[in-house]
N, C-alpha and C. Protein backbone atom coordinates (compact mmCIF):
# COMPACT_ATOMS: atom_id res chain seq x y z
N MET A 1 0.84 -1.17 0.00
CA MET A 1 0.00 0.00 0.00
C MET A 1 0.89 1.24 0.00
N SER A 2 0.52 2.18 -0.82
CA SER A 2 1.34 3.39 -0.93
C SER A 2 1.03 4.37 0.21
N LYS A 3 1.89 5.32 0.36
CA LYS A 3 1.72 6.36 1.38
C LYS A 3 0.42 7.13 1.14
N THR A 4 0.11 7.40 -0.12
CA THR A 4 -1.10 8.13 -0.48
C THR A 4 -2.35 7.33 -0.09
N GLN A 5 -2.32 6.03 -0.33
CA GLN A 5 -3.46 5.18 0.04
C GLN A 5 -3.65 5.16 1.56
N VAL A 6 -2.57 5.06 2.29
CA VAL A 6 -2.64 5.07 3.75
C VAL A 6 -3.19 6.42 4.24
N ASP A 7 -2.73 7.51 3.64
CA ASP A 7 -3.22 8.83 4.01
C ASP A 7 -4.72 8.95 3.73
N ASP A 8 -5.17 8.41 2.58
CA ASP A 8 -6.59 8.43 2.24
C ASP A 8 -7.42 7.65 3.26
N ILE A 9 -6.93 6.50 3.65
CA ILE A 9 -7.62 5.68 4.64
C ILE A 9 -7.69 6.41 5.97
N ASP A 10 -6.57 7.00 6.39
CA ASP A 10 -6.55 7.77 7.64
C ASP A 10 -7.54 8.93 7.59
N ARG A 11 -7.59 9.61 6.46
CA ARG A 11 -8.50 10.74 6.30
C ARG A 11 -9.96 10.26 6.38
N ASN A 12 -10.25 9.13 5.75
CA ASN A 12 -11.61 8.57 5.79
C ASN A 12 -12.00 8.17 7.21
N ILE A 13 -11.09 7.56 7.93
CA ILE A 13 -11.36 7.18 9.32
C ILE A 13 -11.61 8.42 10.16
N TYR A 14 -10.81 9.45 9.96
CA TYR A 14 -10.98 10.71 10.69
C TYR A 14 -12.35 11.31 10.40
N ASP A 15 -12.74 11.32 9.11
CA ASP A 15 -14.05 11.86 8.73
C ASP A 15 -15.19 11.08 9.37
N ILE A 16 -15.09 9.76 9.38
CA ILE A 16 -16.13 8.92 9.98
C ILE A 16 -16.24 9.20 11.47
N LYS A 17 -15.11 9.27 12.16
CA LYS A 17 -15.13 9.54 13.59
C LYS A 17 -15.75 10.90 13.89
N ASN A 18 -15.42 11.90 13.09
CA ASN A 18 -15.98 13.24 13.32
C ASN A 18 -17.47 13.27 13.05
N LYS A 19 -17.94 12.54 12.04
CA LYS A 19 -19.38 12.47 11.77
C LYS A 19 -20.09 11.81 12.94
N ASP A 20 -19.52 10.73 13.47
CA ASP A 20 -20.11 10.06 14.63
C ASP A 20 -20.20 11.00 15.82
N LYS A 21 -19.15 11.78 16.05
CA LYS A 21 -19.15 12.73 17.16
C LYS A 21 -20.23 13.79 16.96
N LYS A 22 -20.37 14.27 15.73
CA LYS A 22 -21.38 15.28 15.44
C LYS A 22 -22.78 14.72 15.68
N ILE A 23 -23.01 13.49 15.25
CA ILE A 23 -24.31 12.86 15.45
C ILE A 23 -24.59 12.68 16.94
N LEU A 24 -23.61 12.20 17.67
CA LEU A 24 -23.78 12.01 19.11
C LEU A 24 -24.02 13.33 19.82
N ASN A 25 -23.27 14.35 19.45
CA ASN A 25 -23.46 15.67 20.06
C ASN A 25 -24.86 16.21 19.77
N LYS A 26 -25.33 16.02 18.54
CA LYS A 26 -26.68 16.47 18.18
C LYS A 26 -27.72 15.72 19.00
N MET A 27 -27.56 14.41 19.12
CA MET A 27 -28.49 13.60 19.89
C MET A 27 -28.51 14.06 21.35
N TYR A 28 -27.34 14.33 21.89
CA TYR A 28 -27.25 14.77 23.28
C TYR A 28 -27.96 16.11 23.46
N ARG A 29 -27.71 17.05 22.56
CA ARG A 29 -28.34 18.38 22.67
C ARG A 29 -29.86 18.30 22.57
N GLU A 30 -30.37 17.29 21.87
CA GLU A 30 -31.81 17.15 21.67
C GLU A 30 -32.52 16.39 22.80
N LEU A 31 -31.76 15.91 23.78
CA LEU A 31 -32.40 15.21 24.89
C LEU A 31 -33.36 16.14 25.62
N PRO A 32 -34.53 15.63 26.01
CA PRO A 32 -35.47 16.49 26.74
C PRO A 32 -35.01 16.80 28.16
N ILE A 33 -34.25 15.90 28.77
CA ILE A 33 -33.64 16.12 30.09
C ILE A 33 -32.25 15.51 30.07
N TYR A 34 -31.40 16.00 30.95
CA TYR A 34 -30.04 15.48 31.04
C TYR A 34 -29.81 14.65 32.30
N ASN A 35 -30.70 14.82 33.28
CA ASN A 35 -30.62 14.01 34.49
C ASN A 35 -31.97 14.04 35.20
N ALA A 36 -32.11 13.18 36.18
CA ALA A 36 -33.39 13.03 36.88
C ALA A 36 -33.82 14.29 37.64
N LYS A 37 -32.86 15.13 37.99
CA LYS A 37 -33.21 16.36 38.71
C LYS A 37 -34.03 17.32 37.86
N GLU A 38 -34.03 17.13 36.56
CA GLU A 38 -34.78 18.00 35.66
C GLU A 38 -36.22 17.54 35.44
N ILE A 39 -36.60 16.42 36.03
CA ILE A 39 -37.97 15.93 35.89
C ILE A 39 -38.90 16.90 36.62
N GLU A 40 -40.00 17.25 35.97
CA GLU A 40 -40.91 18.30 36.45
C GLU A 40 -41.86 17.84 37.55
N ILE A 41 -41.45 16.87 38.33
CA ILE A 41 -42.22 16.46 39.51
C ILE A 41 -41.21 15.99 40.55
N THR A 42 -41.46 16.29 41.80
CA THR A 42 -40.52 15.91 42.85
C THR A 42 -40.91 14.56 43.45
N PRO A 43 -39.97 13.89 44.09
CA PRO A 43 -40.31 12.64 44.77
C PRO A 43 -41.42 12.82 45.81
N ILE A 44 -41.43 13.92 46.51
CA ILE A 44 -42.49 14.18 47.50
C ILE A 44 -43.85 14.29 46.82
N GLU A 45 -43.89 14.96 45.68
CA GLU A 45 -45.14 15.06 44.92
C GLU A 45 -45.61 13.70 44.42
N ILE A 46 -44.65 12.86 44.02
CA ILE A 46 -45.00 11.51 43.57
C ILE A 46 -45.60 10.72 44.72
N ALA A 47 -44.96 10.76 45.88
CA ALA A 47 -45.47 10.04 47.05
C ALA A 47 -46.88 10.52 47.39
N SER A 48 -47.10 11.82 47.35
CA SER A 48 -48.41 12.38 47.63
C SER A 48 -49.44 11.91 46.60
N LEU A 49 -49.07 11.93 45.34
CA LEU A 49 -49.95 11.47 44.27
C LEU A 49 -50.36 10.02 44.48
N LEU A 50 -49.41 9.21 44.93
CA LEU A 50 -49.67 7.78 45.14
C LEU A 50 -50.27 7.50 46.53
N GLU A 51 -50.41 8.56 47.30
CA GLU A 51 -50.92 8.44 48.66
C GLU A 51 -50.11 7.40 49.46
N ARG A 52 -48.79 7.57 49.37
CA ARG A 52 -47.86 6.69 50.09
C ARG A 52 -46.83 7.55 50.79
N LYS A 53 -46.21 6.98 51.79
CA LYS A 53 -45.10 7.66 52.43
C LYS A 53 -43.88 7.57 51.51
N PRO A 54 -43.03 8.61 51.55
CA PRO A 54 -41.80 8.52 50.76
C PRO A 54 -40.98 7.30 51.20
N GLY A 55 -40.35 6.67 50.24
CA GLY A 55 -39.55 5.49 50.55
C GLY A 55 -38.65 5.13 49.38
N SER A 56 -38.00 4.00 49.51
CA SER A 56 -37.03 3.58 48.49
C SER A 56 -37.68 3.31 47.14
N TYR A 57 -38.97 3.06 47.10
CA TYR A 57 -39.67 2.82 45.85
C TYR A 57 -39.56 4.03 44.90
N LEU A 58 -39.35 5.21 45.47
CA LEU A 58 -39.27 6.42 44.66
C LEU A 58 -38.08 6.39 43.70
N LYS A 59 -37.00 5.72 44.07
CA LYS A 59 -35.85 5.60 43.15
C LYS A 59 -36.27 4.92 41.87
N ASN A 60 -37.05 3.85 42.00
CA ASN A 60 -37.52 3.11 40.82
C ASN A 60 -38.47 3.96 39.99
N VAL A 61 -39.34 4.69 40.65
CA VAL A 61 -40.30 5.54 39.94
C VAL A 61 -39.55 6.62 39.16
N ILE A 62 -38.61 7.29 39.81
CA ILE A 62 -37.83 8.35 39.16
C ILE A 62 -37.03 7.79 37.99
N SER A 63 -36.41 6.64 38.18
CA SER A 63 -35.65 6.01 37.11
C SER A 63 -36.55 5.68 35.92
N ASN A 64 -37.72 5.16 36.21
CA ASN A 64 -38.68 4.84 35.17
C ASN A 64 -39.10 6.11 34.42
N LEU A 65 -39.41 7.16 35.16
CA LEU A 65 -39.81 8.42 34.54
C LEU A 65 -38.70 8.98 33.66
N GLU A 66 -37.49 8.91 34.16
CA GLU A 66 -36.35 9.43 33.41
C GLU A 66 -36.23 8.72 32.05
N ARG A 67 -36.34 7.40 32.07
CA ARG A 67 -36.28 6.62 30.82
C ARG A 67 -37.43 6.99 29.89
N GLN A 68 -38.64 7.07 30.42
CA GLN A 68 -39.80 7.37 29.60
C GLN A 68 -39.68 8.76 28.94
N ILE A 69 -39.15 9.70 29.68
CA ILE A 69 -38.99 11.06 29.15
C ILE A 69 -37.90 11.09 28.08
N VAL A 70 -36.76 10.48 28.38
CA VAL A 70 -35.65 10.47 27.42
C VAL A 70 -36.04 9.74 26.13
N TYR A 71 -36.77 8.65 26.24
CA TYR A 71 -37.20 7.90 25.06
C TYR A 71 -38.39 8.53 24.34
N GLY A 72 -38.90 9.65 24.89
CA GLY A 72 -39.98 10.36 24.23
C GLY A 72 -41.36 9.74 24.42
N LYS A 73 -41.49 8.86 25.40
CA LYS A 73 -42.78 8.21 25.66
C LYS A 73 -43.74 9.13 26.40
N ILE A 74 -43.19 10.01 27.24
CA ILE A 74 -44.01 11.02 27.92
C ILE A 74 -43.28 12.35 27.88
N ASN A 75 -44.04 13.42 27.94
CA ASN A 75 -43.46 14.76 27.99
C ASN A 75 -43.06 15.09 29.42
N ASN A 76 -42.05 15.93 29.52
CA ASN A 76 -41.58 16.35 30.83
C ASN A 76 -42.40 17.53 31.34
N ASN A 77 -43.66 17.27 31.60
CA ASN A 77 -44.49 18.27 32.27
C ASN A 77 -45.32 17.54 33.32
N LYS A 78 -45.62 18.25 34.36
CA LYS A 78 -46.21 17.65 35.56
C LYS A 78 -47.50 16.89 35.27
N LEU A 79 -48.38 17.46 34.47
CA LEU A 79 -49.66 16.80 34.19
C LEU A 79 -49.48 15.47 33.46
N ASP A 80 -48.63 15.46 32.44
CA ASP A 80 -48.37 14.22 31.69
C ASP A 80 -47.71 13.17 32.59
N ILE A 81 -46.81 13.62 33.44
CA ILE A 81 -46.11 12.70 34.34
C ILE A 81 -47.08 12.12 35.36
N GLU A 82 -47.92 12.96 35.93
CA GLU A 82 -48.92 12.47 36.90
C GLU A 82 -49.85 11.45 36.24
N LYS A 83 -50.31 11.75 35.04
CA LYS A 83 -51.19 10.83 34.31
C LYS A 83 -50.48 9.49 34.09
N TYR A 84 -49.22 9.55 33.66
CA TYR A 84 -48.45 8.33 33.42
C TYR A 84 -48.31 7.52 34.71
N ILE A 85 -47.98 8.18 35.79
CA ILE A 85 -47.80 7.47 37.07
C ILE A 85 -49.10 6.77 37.48
N LEU A 86 -50.20 7.48 37.42
CA LEU A 86 -51.48 6.90 37.83
C LEU A 86 -51.91 5.75 36.92
N GLU A 87 -51.66 5.89 35.62
CA GLU A 87 -52.05 4.84 34.68
C GLU A 87 -51.15 3.62 34.74
N ASN A 88 -49.93 3.79 35.26
CA ASN A 88 -48.95 2.71 35.28
C ASN A 88 -48.47 2.38 36.68
N GLU A 89 -49.26 2.75 37.66
CA GLU A 89 -48.85 2.62 39.07
C GLU A 89 -48.35 1.21 39.40
N GLU A 90 -49.10 0.20 39.03
CA GLU A 90 -48.70 -1.17 39.37
C GLU A 90 -47.35 -1.53 38.76
N ASN A 91 -47.14 -1.17 37.50
CA ASN A 91 -45.90 -1.52 36.82
C ASN A 91 -44.69 -0.78 37.36
N ILE A 92 -44.85 0.49 37.67
CA ILE A 92 -43.68 1.26 38.10
C ILE A 92 -43.33 1.05 39.57
N LEU A 93 -44.24 0.47 40.33
CA LEU A 93 -43.97 0.21 41.74
C LEU A 93 -43.39 -1.18 41.98
N GLU A 94 -43.31 -1.99 40.96
CA GLU A 94 -42.79 -3.37 41.13
C GLU A 94 -41.31 -3.38 41.34
């Protein structure tokens, strides 16, 4: 393989890596939330909604909400989140 061919391959690899980085950066910027603290309902509000005392179950609920919001299954607004929790109470509390 000639030096020119090796340089072309290196350039192509560089271009591919940069395109992947651009795609990943775009995907990251488009996330509706970046962490669970940005969810528009607090653990205390969730406990109140479920008429339960705060407890370790809230970690699972928050984790579930975070996934649902990031995957675009629910919007990050309090009314949509409350509706989701009430409609899926049995599943998210398991």
